[in-house]
Amino acid sequence: MKPLPIWVRNDDSIVACTEKIKVMRENFEELRQLAQDAFEDGILMEVSETQMREVLHHFVDALINPYPQDKIKH
């Protein structure tokens, strides 16, 4: 698996807070494992690998940002 990126803000400044980076790492590991489990379950249930990947991509593409930029406090 590819390492996680260096996290940046919309203004391209780097998110350097150790605690924020730790939370991001934990969240993405949980997300990766959940997606992997769902993917494997689908394959075991004879769902097309291509379709499984398309559906997982669709979930990411359909994510909604509930925090308009002007409402975020730094």
C-alpha atoms as a PDB file:
ATOM      1  CA  MET A   1       0.000   0.000   0.000  1.00  0.00           C
ATOM      2  CA  LYS A   2       1.174   3.471  -0.856  1.00  0.00           C
ATOM      3  CA  PRO A   3       2.052   5.667   2.171  1.00  0.00           C
ATOM      4  CA  LEU A   4      -0.363   8.416   3.130  1.00  0.00           C
ATOM      5  CA  PRO A   5       0.338  11.827   1.624  1.00  0.00           C
ATOM      6  CA  ILE A   6       1.588  14.912   3.367  1.00  0.00           C
ATOM      7  CA  TRP A   7      -1.694  16.612   4.215  1.00  0.00           C
ATOM      8  CA  VAL A   8      -2.169  20.145   2.901  1.00  0.00           C
ATOM      9  CA  ARG A   9      -4.797  22.841   3.336  1.00  0.00           C
ATOM     10  CA  ASN A  10      -6.643  24.545   0.486  1.00  0.00           C
ATOM     11  CA  ASP A  11      -3.973  27.266   0.495  1.00  0.00           C
ATOM     12  CA  ASP A  12      -1.271  24.555   0.015  1.00  0.00           C
ATOM     13  CA  SER A  13       0.185  25.050   3.512  1.00  0.00           C
ATOM     14  CA  ILE A  14       1.114  21.799   5.252  1.00  0.00           C
ATOM     15  CA  VAL A  15      -0.942  20.406   8.118  1.00  0.00           C
ATOM     16  CA  ALA A  16       1.843  19.831  10.645  1.00  0.00           C
ATOM     17  CA  CYS A  17      -0.060  19.185  13.882  1.00  0.00           C
ATOM     18  CA  THR A  18       1.032  15.754  15.147  1.00  0.00           C
ATOM     19  CA  GLU A  19      -2.378  15.005  16.642  1.00  0.00           C
ATOM     20  CA  LYS A  20      -4.221  15.879  13.412  1.00  0.00           C
ATOM     21  CA  ILE A  21      -1.855  13.687  11.404  1.00  0.00           C
ATOM     22  CA  LYS A  22      -2.362  10.830  13.884  1.00  0.00           C
ATOM     23  CA  VAL A  23      -6.161  11.105  13.567  1.00  0.00           C
ATOM     24  CA  MET A  24      -5.932  11.162   9.763  1.00  0.00           C
ATOM     25  CA  ARG A  25      -3.677   8.078   9.776  1.00  0.00           C
ATOM     26  CA  GLU A  26      -6.060   6.190  12.095  1.00  0.00           C
ATOM     27  CA  ASN A  27      -9.141   7.209  10.086  1.00  0.00           C
ATOM     28  CA  PHE A  28      -7.615   6.152   6.797  1.00  0.00           C
ATOM     29  CA  GLU A  29      -6.403   2.822   8.179  1.00  0.00           C
ATOM     30  CA  GLU A  30      -9.930   2.078   9.441  1.00  0.00           C
ATOM     31  CA  LEU A  31     -11.403   3.157   6.104  1.00  0.00           C
ATOM     32  CA  ARG A  32      -8.878   1.075   4.143  1.00  0.00           C
ATOM     33  CA  GLN A  33      -9.633  -2.024   6.220  1.00  0.00           C
ATOM     34  CA  LEU A  34     -13.403  -1.579   5.933  1.00  0.00           C
ATOM     35  CA  ALA A  35     -13.166  -1.076   2.158  1.00  0.00           C
ATOM     36  CA  GLN A  36     -10.855  -4.106   1.849  1.00  0.00           C
ATOM     37  CA  ASP A  37     -13.292  -6.262   3.822  1.00  0.00           C
ATOM     38  CA  ALA A  38     -16.258  -5.145   1.698  1.00  0.00           C
ATOM     39  CA  PHE A  39     -14.233  -5.729  -1.486  1.00  0.00           C
ATOM     40  CA  GLU A  40     -13.230  -9.243  -0.417  1.00  0.00           C
ATOM     41  CA  ASP A  41     -16.792 -10.086   0.649  1.00  0.00           C
ATOM     42  CA  GLY A  42     -18.065  -8.991  -2.760  1.00  0.00           C
ATOM     43  CA  ILE A  43     -15.471 -11.093  -4.565  1.00  0.00           C
ATOM     44  CA  LEU A  44     -16.338 -14.129  -2.392  1.00  0.00           C
ATOM     45  CA  MET A  45     -20.019 -13.582  -3.258  1.00  0.00           C
ATOM     46  CA  GLU A  46     -19.052 -13.659  -6.956  1.00  0.00           C
ATOM     47  CA  VAL A  47     -19.566  -9.951  -7.606  1.00  0.00           C
ATOM     48  CA  SER A  48     -17.413  -8.688 -10.465  1.00  0.00           C
ATOM     49  CA  GLU A  49     -14.122  -7.166  -9.269  1.00  0.00           C
ATOM     50  CA  THR A  50     -14.616  -4.365 -11.777  1.00  0.00           C
ATOM     51  CA  GLN A  51     -18.073  -3.582 -10.410  1.00  0.00           C
ATOM     52  CA  MET A  52     -16.802  -3.647  -6.813  1.00  0.00           C
ATOM     53  CA  ARG A  53     -14.096  -1.106  -7.699  1.00  0.00           C
ATOM     54  CA  GLU A  54     -16.613   1.104  -9.543  1.00  0.00           C
ATOM     55  CA  VAL A  55     -18.992   1.111  -6.571  1.00  0.00           C
ATOM     56  CA  LEU A  56     -16.193   1.935  -4.117  1.00  0.00           C
ATOM     57  CA  HIS A  57     -15.066   4.805  -6.370  1.00  0.00           C
ATOM     58  CA  HIS A  58     -18.676   6.017  -6.545  1.00  0.00           C
ATOM     59  CA  PHE A  59     -18.850   6.179  -2.741  1.00  0.00           C
ATOM     60  CA  VAL A  60     -15.796   8.425  -2.636  1.00  0.00           C
ATOM     61  CA  ASP A  61     -17.051  10.580  -5.500  1.00  0.00           C
ATOM     62  CA  ALA A  62     -20.414  11.022  -3.717  1.00  0.00           C
ATOM     63  CA  LEU A  63     -18.933  12.306  -0.432  1.00  0.00           C
ATOM     64  CA  ILE A  64     -20.386  15.664   0.617  1.00  0.00           C
ATOM     65  CA  ASN A  65     -18.383  18.393   2.345  1.00  0.00           C
ATOM     66  CA  PRO A  66     -20.643  19.635   5.165  1.00  0.00           C
ATOM     67  CA  TYR A  67     -18.204  22.403   6.105  1.00  0.00           C
ATOM     68  CA  PRO A  68     -18.215  25.400   3.745  1.00  0.00           C
ATOM     69  CA  GLN A  69     -14.747  26.979   3.717  1.00  0.00           C
ATOM     70  CA  ASP A  70     -15.980  30.236   5.237  1.00  0.00           C
ATOM     71  CA  LYS A  71     -17.315  28.343   8.300  1.00  0.00           C
ATOM     72  CA  ILE A  72     -14.079  26.498   9.212  1.00  0.00           C
ATOM     73  CA  LYS A  73     -12.095  27.937  12.113  1.00  0.00           C
ATOM     74  CA  HIS A  74      -8.310  27.408  12.049  1.00  0.00           C
END
